[in-house]
Protein backbone atom coordinates (compact mmCIF):
# COMPACT_ATOMS: atom_id res chain seq x y z
CA UNK A 1 2.02 238.22 51.24
CA UNK A 2 -1.47 237.96 52.81
CA UNK A 3 -2.17 234.41 53.87
CA UNK A 4 -5.76 235.05 52.51
CA UNK A 5 -4.47 235.73 49.00
CA UNK A 6 -1.80 232.99 49.09
CA UNK A 7 -2.55 230.30 46.26
CA UNK A 8 -2.35 226.74 47.61
CA UNK A 9 -4.37 225.22 50.86
CA UNK A 10 -3.08 223.76 53.80
CA UNK A 11 -4.67 220.40 55.09
CA UNK A 12 -4.70 218.59 58.25
CA UNK A 13 -4.25 215.10 56.96
CA UNK A 14 -1.86 213.51 54.82
CA UNK A 15 -2.76 212.10 51.51
CA UNK A 16 -2.92 208.26 51.63
CA UNK A 17 -0.52 207.75 48.76
CA UNK A 18 2.18 210.13 50.55
CA UNK A 19 4.94 207.81 51.78
CA UNK A 20 7.95 210.04 53.01
CA UNK A 21 7.78 212.93 55.70
CA UNK A 22 8.62 215.36 52.88
CA UNK A 23 5.79 214.05 50.60
CA UNK A 24 3.24 214.22 53.33
CA UNK A 25 4.35 217.80 54.80
CA UNK A 26 4.89 219.66 51.44
CA UNK A 27 1.51 218.12 50.24
CA UNK A 28 0.07 219.25 53.26
CA UNK A 29 1.52 222.52 53.54
CA UNK A 30 0.19 223.39 50.11
CA UNK A 31 3.84 223.57 48.43
CA UNK A 32 3.42 221.24 45.87
CA UNK A 33 0.64 219.16 44.05
CA UNK A 34 0.70 215.93 42.36
CA UNK A 35 -0.44 216.29 38.46
CA UNK A 36 0.39 212.56 37.75
CA UNK A 37 2.91 209.88 38.62
CA UNK A 38 6.57 211.30 39.41
CA UNK A 39 5.12 214.77 37.85
CA UNK A 40 4.47 217.91 40.55
CA UNK A 41 3.27 221.33 40.18
CA UNK A 42 5.55 223.77 42.48
CA UNK A 43 2.79 226.07 44.29
CA UNK A 44 3.85 229.43 45.29
CA UNK A 45 5.34 228.99 48.86
CA UNK A 46 7.08 225.84 47.29
CA UNK A 47 8.37 227.82 44.54
CA UNK A 48 10.01 230.23 46.55
CA UNK A 49 12.19 227.69 48.50
CA UNK A 50 13.27 226.34 45.09
CA UNK A 51 14.13 229.85 43.94
CA UNK A 52 16.39 230.39 47.22
CA UNK A 53 17.99 227.06 46.67
CA UNK A 54 19.03 227.89 42.99
CA UNK A 55 20.02 231.27 44.25
CA UNK A 56 22.51 229.35 46.59
CA UNK A 57 23.83 227.26 44.12
CA UNK A 58 24.24 229.52 41.63
CA UNK A 59 26.20 231.86 43.92
CA UNK A 60 28.72 228.88 44.47
CA UNK A 61 28.90 227.66 40.78
CA UNK A 62 30.14 231.28 40.01
CA UNK A 63 32.34 231.68 42.71
CA UNK A 64 33.97 228.42 41.66
CA UNK A 65 34.30 229.93 38.30
CA UNK A 66 31.29 228.58 36.31
CA UNK A 67 29.67 230.43 33.50
CA UNK A 68 25.81 230.18 33.40
CA UNK A 69 24.21 229.00 30.10
CA UNK A 70 21.10 227.49 28.84
CA UNK A 71 20.76 223.96 27.04
CA UNK A 72 17.76 222.98 25.24
CA UNK A 73 15.17 220.59 26.67
CA UNK A 74 14.85 218.95 23.01
CA UNK A 75 17.91 217.23 21.90
CA UNK A 76 18.83 215.54 18.27
CA UNK A 77 18.73 211.81 18.95
CA UNK A 78 21.74 211.45 16.65
CA UNK A 79 23.95 212.91 19.43
CA UNK A 80 22.90 210.03 21.58
CA UNK A 81 23.57 207.47 18.76
CA UNK A 82 27.16 209.40 18.33
CA UNK A 83 28.10 208.73 22.09
CA UNK A 84 26.47 205.20 22.05
CA UNK A 85 24.71 206.27 25.80
CA UNK A 86 21.38 205.83 24.53
CA UNK A 87 21.69 202.33 25.00
CA UNK A 88 22.68 202.63 28.93
CA UNK A 89 19.94 204.89 29.65
CA UNK A 90 17.49 202.59 27.47
CA UNK A 91 13.95 202.80 28.80
CA UNK A 92 14.31 205.62 30.97
CA UNK A 93 15.07 208.19 28.22
CA UNK A 94 11.99 209.90 27.03
CA UNK A 95 11.87 210.40 23.01
CA UNK A 96 9.61 212.08 20.82
CA UNK A 97 9.10 212.06 16.81
CA UNK A 98 8.33 215.36 15.07
CA UNK A 99 6.29 215.92 12.15
CA UNK A 100 9.14 215.19 9.75
CA UNK A 101 9.67 212.00 11.56
CA UNK A 102 12.78 213.18 13.09
CA UNK A 103 13.71 211.63 16.36
CA UNK A 104 14.32 213.71 19.30
CA UNK A 105 14.96 213.11 22.73
CA UNK A 106 13.99 215.04 26.13
CA UNK A 107 17.24 215.54 27.56
CA UNK A 108 17.81 213.16 30.88
CA UNK A 109 21.18 214.79 31.01
CA UNK A 110 23.21 217.19 28.74
CA UNK A 111 26.67 215.75 28.49
CA UNK A 112 26.23 215.26 24.55
CA UNK A 113 24.67 218.75 23.74
CA UNK A 114 27.52 220.66 25.98
CA UNK A 115 30.34 218.21 24.36
CA UNK A 116 28.84 219.26 20.65
CA UNK A 117 29.29 222.83 21.76
CA UNK A 118 32.76 222.53 23.19
CA UNK A 119 33.73 220.76 19.65
CA UNK A 120 32.46 224.01 18.13
CA UNK A 121 34.08 226.55 20.17
CA UNK A 122 36.96 225.02 22.02
CA UNK A 123 39.92 224.98 19.61
CA UNK A 124 42.98 225.79 22.00
CA UNK A 125 44.53 224.65 25.29
CA UNK A 126 44.08 228.57 25.62
CA UNK A 127 40.51 227.99 25.67
CA UNK A 128 40.95 225.51 28.71
CA UNK A 129 39.76 225.21 31.71
CA UNK A 130 36.26 225.56 30.94
CA UNK A 131 33.40 225.33 33.59
CA UNK A 132 29.67 226.10 32.35
CA UNK A 133 26.61 225.14 33.79
CA UNK A 134 22.95 225.60 33.74
CA UNK A 135 19.78 225.08 35.80
CA UNK A 136 17.38 223.21 33.55
CA UNK A 137 14.35 220.92 33.62
CA UNK A 138 15.32 217.29 32.98
CA UNK A 139 13.25 214.13 31.92
CA UNK A 140 13.54 210.37 33.02
CA UNK A 141 10.85 207.67 32.61
CA UNK A 142 11.56 206.33 36.07
CA UNK A 143 10.03 202.77 36.33
CA UNK A 144 8.87 203.58 40.18
CA UNK A 145 8.41 207.28 40.99
CA UNK A 146 8.16 207.63 44.63
CA UNK A 147 8.59 209.38 47.80
CA UNK A 148 7.32 212.66 45.99
CA UNK A 149 10.15 214.74 45.11
CA UNK A 150 12.52 212.16 45.84
CA UNK A 151 12.24 210.03 42.80
CA UNK A 152 10.14 211.73 39.69
CA UNK A 153 9.97 211.72 36.10
CA UNK A 154 10.48 215.71 35.78
CA UNK A 155 12.81 217.47 37.63
CA UNK A 156 14.98 220.46 37.80
CA UNK A 157 18.64 219.94 38.03
CA UNK A 158 21.77 222.13 38.20
CA UNK A 159 24.34 220.68 35.85
CA UNK A 160 28.23 221.88 35.57
CA UNK A 161 30.45 220.48 33.27
CA UNK A 162 34.12 221.04 33.10
CA UNK A 163 36.50 220.50 30.13
CA UNK A 164 40.44 220.41 30.96
CA UNK A 165 43.75 219.60 29.51
CA UNK A 166 44.51 216.44 31.30
CA UNK A 167 43.39 214.53 34.28
CA UNK A 168 45.71 216.81 36.80
CA UNK A 169 43.38 219.62 35.59
CA UNK A 170 40.27 217.73 36.09
CA UNK A 171 41.15 216.28 39.71
CA UNK A 172 41.59 220.29 40.61
CA UNK A 173 38.31 221.20 39.48
CA UNK A 174 36.79 218.00 40.88
CA UNK A 175 38.07 218.97 44.21
CA UNK A 176 36.92 222.48 43.45
CA UNK A 177 33.23 221.36 42.77
CA UNK A 178 33.26 219.12 45.94
CA UNK A 179 34.15 222.22 47.77
CA UNK A 180 31.59 224.03 46.50
CA UNK A 181 29.05 221.34 46.94
CA UNK A 182 29.83 221.29 50.54
CA UNK A 183 29.27 225.02 50.82
CA UNK A 184 26.02 224.66 49.07
CA UNK A 185 24.68 222.06 51.87
CA UNK A 186 26.06 223.90 54.57
CA UNK A 187 24.31 227.05 53.56
CA UNK A 188 21.12 225.01 53.07
CA UNK A 189 21.55 223.81 56.54
CA UNK A 190 21.92 220.50 55.48
CA UNK A 191 24.78 217.94 57.03
CA UNK A 192 25.71 215.57 54.35
CA UNK A 193 28.54 212.76 54.02
CA UNK A 194 30.56 212.06 50.94
CA UNK A 195 30.57 208.71 49.64
CA UNK A 196 32.10 206.71 46.71
CA UNK A 197 29.55 205.92 44.19
CA UNK A 198 28.38 204.17 40.77
CA UNK A 199 28.57 206.23 37.92
CA UNK A 200 25.59 204.47 36.49
CA UNK A 201 24.46 205.41 32.97
CA UNK A 202 26.69 208.65 33.27
CA UNK A 203 29.53 206.45 32.83
CA UNK A 204 33.15 207.87 33.79
CA UNK A 205 35.51 206.37 35.73
CA UNK A 206 34.97 207.86 39.36
CA UNK A 207 32.39 209.60 40.96
CA UNK A 208 31.21 210.65 44.54
CA UNK A 209 27.66 211.01 46.00
CA UNK A 210 27.04 213.62 48.85
CA UNK A 211 24.24 211.98 51.08
CA UNK A 212 21.69 212.69 53.84
CA UNK A 213 21.27 210.09 56.52
CA UNK A 214 17.57 209.60 56.65
CA UNK A 215 15.68 206.24 57.74
CA UNK A 216 13.45 207.01 54.46
CA UNK A 217 16.55 207.28 52.19
CA UNK A 218 16.10 204.85 49.17
CA UNK A 219 20.11 204.43 48.79
CA UNK A 220 22.10 202.39 51.61
CA UNK A 221 25.76 203.20 52.54
CA UNK A 222 28.21 201.53 54.31
CA UNK A 223 30.95 203.10 56.04
CA UNK A 224 33.91 202.29 58.24
CA UNK A 225 34.10 204.00 61.91
CA UNK A 226 37.77 203.38 62.16
CA UNK A 227 39.30 204.61 58.81
CA UNK A 228 36.52 206.70 57.29
CA UNK A 229 36.17 204.35 54.04
CA UNK A 230 32.56 205.37 52.89
CA UNK A 231 30.63 204.13 49.59
CA UNK A 232 27.29 203.77 48.41
CA UNK A 233 26.20 200.01 48.59
CA UNK A 234 26.18 199.77 44.81
CA UNK A 235 29.82 200.68 44.77
CA UNK A 236 30.98 199.43 48.13
CA UNK A 237 33.77 197.02 48.37
CA UNK A 238 34.64 194.75 51.11
CA UNK A 239 37.70 192.75 52.58
CA UNK A 240 37.00 189.17 51.05
CA UNK A 241 39.72 187.32 52.96
CA UNK A 242 38.75 184.28 54.99
CA UNK A 243 39.26 184.39 58.69
CA UNK A 244 41.96 182.28 59.68
CA UNK A 245 39.55 180.04 62.35
CA UNK A 246 36.94 179.67 59.81
CA UNK A 247 38.93 177.03 57.48
CA UNK A 248 41.08 174.41 58.89
CA UNK A 249 44.70 174.80 57.88
CA UNK A 250 44.79 171.36 56.45
CA UNK A 251 41.92 172.40 53.72
CA UNK A 252 44.04 175.17 52.47
CA UNK A 253 46.06 172.56 50.23
CA UNK A 254 43.99 171.68 47.03
CA UNK A 255 42.28 168.16 47.52
CA UNK A 256 41.15 165.82 44.71
CA UNK A 257 37.59 166.36 43.26
CA UNK A 258 35.18 164.20 44.73
CA UNK A 259 31.30 163.54 44.07
CA UNK A 260 29.17 163.07 47.45
CA UNK A 261 25.55 162.77 47.91
CA UNK A 262 23.30 165.50 49.12
CA UNK A 263 19.83 164.22 48.41
CA UNK A 264 17.62 166.78 49.39
CA UNK A 265 20.05 169.73 49.95
CA UNK A 266 19.90 172.73 47.51
CA UNK A 267 20.45 175.80 49.26
CA UNK A 268 23.93 177.02 50.68
CA UNK A 269 22.31 177.07 54.13
CA UNK A 270 21.31 173.32 53.82
CA UNK A 271 24.31 172.12 52.18
CA UNK A 272 26.74 173.87 54.56
CA UNK A 273 24.74 172.35 57.27
CA UNK A 274 24.56 168.78 55.92
CA UNK A 275 28.37 168.61 55.37
CA UNK A 276 29.24 170.59 58.68
CA UNK A 277 31.26 173.35 56.79
CA UNK A 278 30.99 177.02 57.12
CA UNK A 279 29.00 179.00 54.06
CA UNK A 280 32.65 180.39 53.12
CA UNK A 281 33.78 177.00 52.28
CA UNK A 282 30.96 176.74 49.30
CA UNK A 283 30.25 178.44 46.06
CA UNK A 284 26.96 179.46 44.95
CA UNK A 285 25.31 179.65 41.68
CA UNK A 286 22.96 182.46 40.60
CA UNK A 287 21.24 182.75 37.13
CA UNK A 288 20.49 185.97 35.58
CA UNK A 289 19.05 187.07 32.23
CA UNK A 290 21.39 190.04 31.02
CA UNK A 291 19.97 191.55 27.75
CA UNK A 292 17.92 188.19 26.71
CA UNK A 293 20.71 185.91 27.65
CA UNK A 294 21.29 183.36 30.51
CA UNK A 295 24.16 184.56 32.65
CA UNK A 296 25.62 181.80 35.27
CA UNK A 297 26.99 184.04 38.28
CA UNK A 298 29.47 181.85 40.64
CA UNK A 299 30.13 183.55 44.11
CA UNK A 300 31.63 182.37 47.35
CA UNK A 301 28.66 180.88 49.47
CA UNK A 302 28.81 183.72 52.32
CA UNK A 303 28.19 186.44 49.71
CA UNK A 304 25.44 187.98 47.68
CA UNK A 305 25.39 189.30 44.09
CA UNK A 306 25.77 192.93 43.84
CA UNK A 307 23.58 193.73 40.61
CA UNK A 308 24.91 197.00 40.00
CA UNK A 309 28.30 195.51 39.75
CA UNK A 310 27.14 192.62 37.72
CA UNK A 311 25.39 194.96 35.33
CA UNK A 312 28.38 197.13 34.92
CA UNK A 313 30.51 194.15 34.27
CA UNK A 314 28.53 192.60 31.82
CA UNK A 315 28.27 196.19 30.16
CA UNK A 316 24.32 195.20 29.74
CA UNK A 317 21.07 197.37 29.67
CA UNK A 318 18.72 195.06 31.21
CA UNK A 319 19.57 192.63 34.04
CA UNK A 320 16.62 190.62 35.76
CA UNK A 321 16.92 187.15 38.07
CA UNK A 322 16.48 184.02 35.75
CA UNK A 323 13.38 181.94 36.56
CA UNK A 324 13.64 178.41 37.41
CA UNK A 325 11.92 177.31 34.27
CA UNK A 326 14.52 179.63 31.91
CA UNK A 327 17.27 177.96 34.11
CA UNK A 328 16.03 174.24 33.16
CA UNK A 329 15.55 174.93 29.74
CA UNK A 330 19.16 175.06 29.17
CA UNK A 331 19.75 171.68 30.98
CA UNK A 332 20.92 173.04 34.01
CA UNK A 333 20.05 171.15 37.23
CA UNK A 334 18.61 173.83 39.56
CA UNK A 335 19.89 173.37 43.15
CA UNK A 336 22.73 171.40 42.02
CA UNK A 337 24.48 173.55 39.56
CA UNK A 338 28.18 174.21 39.45
CA UNK A 339 30.58 175.75 36.57
CA UNK A 340 32.04 172.27 36.37
CA UNK A 341 31.84 171.00 32.77
CA UNK A 342 29.07 173.73 32.00
CA UNK A 343 29.18 174.68 28.46
CA UNK A 344 27.49 177.13 26.09
CA UNK A 345 26.31 179.44 28.82
CA UNK A 346 28.53 182.43 30.06
CA UNK A 347 30.15 182.29 33.29
CA UNK A 348 30.93 185.44 35.38
CA UNK A 349 32.78 184.60 38.70
CA UNK A 350 33.19 186.68 41.82
CA UNK A 351 36.96 187.38 42.58
CA UNK A 352 36.06 185.68 46.00
CA UNK A 353 36.37 182.51 44.42
CA UNK A 354 40.30 183.00 44.28
CA UNK A 355 40.19 183.55 47.99
CA UNK A 356 39.65 180.06 49.21
CA UNK A 357 40.05 176.54 48.19
CA UNK A 358 38.44 172.93 48.28
CA UNK A 359 35.00 174.29 48.02
CA UNK A 360 31.79 172.64 47.78
CA UNK A 361 29.74 173.15 44.65
CA UNK A 362 26.83 171.33 42.63
CA UNK A 363 27.64 168.34 40.77
CA UNK A 364 25.07 169.41 37.92
CA UNK A 365 23.45 166.31 38.71
CA UNK A 366 20.04 165.86 40.95
CA UNK A 367 21.17 165.00 44.38
CA UNK A 368 24.80 165.27 44.35
CA UNK A 369 27.40 168.22 45.00
CA UNK A 370 31.46 168.03 44.54
CA UNK A 371 33.73 168.56 47.38
CA UNK A 372 37.28 169.76 46.91
CA UNK A 373 36.29 172.05 43.88
CA UNK A 374 39.45 174.60 43.27
CA UNK A 375 39.55 177.56 40.87
CA UNK A 376 41.16 177.29 38.10
CA UNK A 377 41.96 173.68 38.39
CA UNK A 378 38.35 172.22 37.96
CA UNK A 379 36.52 175.02 36.23
CA UNK A 380 37.20 177.95 34.09
CA UNK A 381 35.06 181.39 34.11
CA UNK A 382 34.47 183.99 31.29
CA UNK A 383 35.10 187.32 33.60
CA UNK A 384 36.28 187.30 36.90
CA UNK A 385 35.36 190.66 38.82
CA UNK A 386 34.26 192.20 42.00
CA UNK A 387 30.43 191.27 41.98
CA UNK A 388 29.93 191.03 45.85
CA UNK A 389 27.50 193.12 47.78
CA UNK A 390 28.65 194.87 51.07
CA UNK A 391 26.82 194.47 54.34
CA UNK A 392 26.65 195.71 57.84
CA UNK A 393 29.28 193.97 59.50
CA UNK A 394 31.49 192.92 56.46
CA UNK A 395 35.40 193.75 56.74
CA UNK A 396 36.36 197.17 55.25
CA UNK A 397 38.58 196.82 52.34
CA UNK A 398 40.95 199.65 53.62
CA UNK A 399 41.52 198.35 57.17
CA UNK A 400 39.91 195.02 57.89
CA UNK A 401 37.60 196.72 60.54
CA UNK A 402 33.86 195.96 60.80
CA UNK A 403 31.69 198.18 58.54
CA UNK A 404 28.29 199.97 59.49
CA UNK A 405 25.53 200.94 57.17
CA UNK A 406 22.94 203.56 57.36
CA UNK A 407 20.17 204.68 54.70
CA UNK A 408 20.56 208.05 52.89
CA UNK A 409 19.15 210.49 50.31
CA UNK A 410 21.37 211.26 47.51
CA UNK A 411 21.61 215.09 47.04
CA UNK A 412 24.20 215.64 44.53
CA UNK A 413 26.47 213.41 42.25
CA UNK A 414 30.04 214.50 40.78
CA UNK A 415 31.71 212.48 38.16
CA UNK A 416 35.05 212.23 36.46
CA UNK A 417 34.00 211.32 32.84
CA UNK A 418 37.33 211.59 31.27
CA UNK A 419 37.56 211.54 27.24
CA UNK A 420 35.00 209.00 26.07
CA UNK A 421 32.45 211.36 25.64
CA UNK A 422 34.63 213.95 24.07
CA UNK A 423 36.17 211.68 21.60
CA UNK A 424 33.19 210.67 20.35
CA UNK A 425 31.52 214.02 19.98
CA UNK A 426 35.08 215.83 18.70
CA UNK A 427 35.48 218.01 21.84
CA UNK A 428 39.22 218.33 21.02
CA UNK A 429 41.92 221.11 21.15
CA UNK A 430 45.11 221.75 20.08
CA UNK A 431 47.59 221.54 22.97
CA UNK A 432 51.07 223.81 23.14
CA UNK A 433 52.82 221.31 20.42
CA UNK A 434 49.94 221.77 18.04
CA UNK A 435 48.50 218.16 18.57
CA UNK A 436 45.02 217.76 18.63
CA UNK A 437 43.81 215.94 21.99
CA UNK A 438 40.34 215.38 23.51
CA UNK A 439 39.21 217.77 26.42
CA UNK A 440 39.36 215.73 29.89
CA UNK A 441 35.44 216.34 30.91
CA UNK A 442 33.87 216.14 34.49
CA UNK A 443 30.05 216.37 35.42
CA UNK A 444 28.30 217.79 38.43
CA UNK A 445 24.91 217.38 39.39
CA UNK A 446 22.47 218.68 41.92
CA UNK A 447 18.46 217.89 41.50
CA UNK A 448 17.02 220.78 43.09
CA UNK A 449 13.52 219.21 44.00
CA UNK A 450 15.23 216.31 45.61
CA UNK A 451 17.37 218.50 47.61
CA UNK A 452 14.21 220.50 48.79
CA UNK A 453 12.59 217.22 49.78
CA UNK A 454 15.87 216.28 51.80
CA UNK A 455 15.83 219.57 53.57
CA UNK A 456 12.21 218.48 54.87
CA UNK A 457 13.18 215.03 55.60
CA UNK A 458 16.15 216.39 57.90
CA UNK A 459 14.15 219.06 59.31
CA UNK A 460 10.72 218.38 60.57
CA UNK A 461 9.00 217.56 64.01
CA UNK A 462 5.35 216.03 64.39
CA UNK A 463 3.87 219.45 63.87
CA UNK A 464 5.03 220.14 60.47
CA UNK A 465 8.48 221.54 58.50
CA UNK A 466 11.26 223.18 60.30
CA UNK A 467 12.79 225.37 57.34
CA UNK A 468 16.49 226.64 57.71
CA UNK A 469 16.28 230.29 57.66
CA UNK A 470 18.22 230.44 54.33
CA UNK A 471 15.36 228.76 52.13
CA UNK A 472 12.35 229.29 54.02
CA UNK A 473 9.55 230.59 51.82
CA UNK A 474 9.11 233.44 54.37
CA UNK A 475 11.27 234.80 57.09
CA UNK A 476 8.29 235.83 59.14
CA UNK A 477 4.98 234.57 59.87
CA UNK A 478 2.86 237.75 61.18
CA UNK A 479 -0.07 235.95 63.16
CA UNK A 480 -3.03 238.19 63.93
CA UNK A 481 -4.94 237.04 66.74
CA UNK A 482 -8.80 238.22 67.19
CA UNK A 483 -9.48 240.12 63.81
CA UNK A 484 -12.42 241.64 65.21
CA UNK A 485 -10.52 244.31 67.41
CA UNK A 486 -10.13 247.13 65.17
CA UNK A 487 -7.44 248.29 67.23
CA UNK A 488 -5.45 244.95 66.86
CA UNK A 489 -6.14 245.04 62.95
CA UNK A 490 -5.08 248.13 62.44
CA UNK A 491 -1.75 247.58 64.37
CA UNK A 492 -1.04 244.26 62.46
CA UNK A 493 -1.16 246.39 59.19
CA UNK A 494 1.08 248.71 60.31
CA UNK A 495 3.65 246.37 61.54
CA UNK A 496 2.93 243.95 58.10
CA UNK A 497 3.63 247.47 56.13
CA UNK A 498 6.81 247.98 58.25
CA UNK A 499 8.24 244.87 57.93
CA UNK A 500 7.50 244.97 54.02
CA UNK A 501 9.24 248.23 53.69
CA UNK A 502 12.57 247.14 55.63
CA UNK A 503 12.77 244.01 53.00
CA UNK A 504 11.41 241.41 55.46
CA UNK A 505 9.80 238.49 53.75
CA UNK A 506 6.29 238.21 55.59
CA UNK A 507 3.57 235.80 55.55
CA UNK A 508 0.60 238.12 57.04
CA UNK A 509 -2.11 235.38 58.70
CA UNK A 510 -4.75 237.74 58.09
CA UNK A 511 -7.50 235.18 58.16
CA UNK A 512 -10.57 234.86 60.12
CA UNK A 513 -9.53 231.70 61.60
CA UNK A 514 -9.05 230.61 65.52
CA UNK A 515 -5.64 230.98 67.25
CA UNK A 516 -5.44 227.07 67.06
CA UNK A 517 -5.79 227.08 63.31
CA UNK A 518 -3.38 229.73 62.90
CA UNK A 519 -0.63 228.29 65.28
CA UNK A 520 -0.85 224.90 63.62
CA UNK A 521 -0.58 226.20 60.17
CA UNK A 522 2.55 228.24 61.45
CA UNK A 523 4.12 225.07 62.66
CA UNK A 524 3.25 222.98 59.53
CA UNK A 525 4.38 225.80 57.05
CA UNK A 526 7.70 225.69 59.14
CA UNK A 527 8.32 229.40 58.53
CA UNK A 528 11.67 230.35 61.04
CA UNK A 529 10.24 233.24 63.21
CA UNK A 530 6.48 233.46 64.35
CA UNK A 531 5.44 237.38 65.51
CA UNK A 532 1.71 237.36 67.28
CA UNK A 533 -0.26 240.13 67.69
CA UNK A 534 -3.35 239.97 70.17
CA UNK A 535 -4.91 242.47 72.47
CA UNK A 536 -3.00 241.41 75.29
CA UNK A 537 0.17 242.27 73.44
CA UNK A 538 -1.08 245.63 72.06
CA UNK A 539 -2.01 246.66 75.20
CA UNK A 540 1.78 246.61 76.51
CA UNK A 541 2.70 248.00 72.98
CA UNK A 542 4.55 244.69 72.01
CA UNK A 543 4.62 241.83 69.78
CA UNK A 544 5.40 238.19 70.78
CA UNK A 545 8.39 236.68 68.95
CA UNK A 546 8.92 233.15 69.10
CA UNK A 547 11.39 230.64 67.08
CA UNK A 548 9.63 227.59 65.01
CA UNK A 549 12.60 225.74 66.88
CA UNK A 550 12.28 227.02 70.24
CA UNK A 551 9.42 226.64 73.03
CA UNK A 552 10.59 230.18 74.75
CA UNK A 553 8.94 233.51 73.59
CA UNK A 554 9.65 236.69 74.24
CA UNK A 555 8.51 240.28 73.46
CA UNK A 556 9.57 242.97 71.12
CA UNK A 557 8.46 246.67 71.38
CA UNK A 558 6.15 247.46 68.44
CA UNK A 559 8.34 250.79 68.26
CA UNK A 560 10.68 250.20 65.44
CA UNK A 561 10.00 246.57 65.44
CA UNK A 562 11.44 245.86 61.61
CA UNK A 563 14.94 246.90 63.16
CA UNK A 564 14.60 244.52 66.16
CA UNK A 565 13.54 241.75 63.86
CA UNK A 566 16.06 242.46 61.52
CA UNK A 567 18.81 241.88 63.89
CA UNK A 568 16.99 238.56 65.20
CA UNK A 569 17.33 237.45 61.55
CA UNK A 570 20.74 238.43 61.09
CA UNK A 571 21.92 236.98 64.58
CA UNK A 572 20.18 233.73 63.19
CA UNK A 573 21.78 233.48 59.95
CA UNK A 574 25.10 234.50 61.57
CA UNK A 575 24.94 231.24 63.84
């Protein structure tokens, strides 16, 4: 491809709205263009990268036994009503109504459609295991699209679905897909970490994310350097055992409930300081509105509420913090609230309330708290669950060492769905005894655009993108200097043609621009190998070769240059 004909222009300046490095660089390199919030066009050079990522994914899915198909974007809304998952997707699901007033969904995912197909075509255990996948456009009405391709409303995704006879067979396919994902990221030159994850709206009993460590990542993960435990902060657990030196031994036995004056003390910190106790000795009251109803949440004072865990516990669609007015309208005294004596309000408690005794909590009247509150002696709750948020420095749930944390970008997510979708959509089979059983499902997704952006986040410098050779839009950037020299121009055309004939992907910079402009664009575009032809190199019947990742250059003889370039590329790929 000649640069002068390439659709899309490079830019020196990053657009003001571009936040992340990948967003800035992909726009500046003319690889993507924003059409609306969370909606992007891929320009030719960016599309070439995406197609290479797609081919790597396809090869690994085929190698793992997947069969490629194509499912429709438009889905009958009845399938979502049948599964019941339209509730959990809520406003993120795009819907349309056709001319016959029939409601359709623009597919945010395809479990319902593929389960319906399995219902039609899977009859016997002999039809299983079944692994089918597609690379398809999906739609989700994200409330806050951000970071360029990192969070969008229209995106291309690879999703594979597995159907098995039992949990053991699902476990085997889950391991197989996990390995296939690791192969994909390795081939894309992208180091990843596998972490436990929340299943979100997709559902299922277990899931894992593949994360790329990046300061700009919108996800936080915690990990234990000692035992290797790792999880997305939405899912992460911690050890809530109170250290022996925190609570005096005599405070462990339940003592009589006692009301004490705390005139101006409302926050956990104020109350703890006033009474001379650690935050672990207090109970915190937090109020939420879940699907329009007030929820009273109780958690130990040294912990914070994990809203994802709380949403999952409540099985609600919408969750937000309640305002002070909304709490006061129920008669609850803000700043002095506790579950003791509360009626008419659903109470959810973190299981940390069972890991301590003689807590300080609100007395439900202005200026007073209770001392020596104990569960379940003094109050009851509707649900007890792990709803605590993990932080850097918390204790590991596996080995009790201190956890560390970092930010990352999710580049893949795999789920053990089980049978809840297959049961509702009728995806069943006859086992060896002729008994009908629901197929055990798994699903495995990779967002291609997000993966592309993550590669840029991981691999760039202050000059531009640094593409791994396996996914670069072109392998070679052929830079012609001094276009006014007929000899140099003629030699460059011959080199270009020779490289093309040898099957080498070349972007030929044939523009009438200064060397500085051309070198800057070469670095910005991040093409792995730059070949520079100038009067000086031509005089020596050579061409200058420089890798994007290296400072040193070398001279290659012009004679049979394609063979020498091919050798360099093969050696680079083999590393």
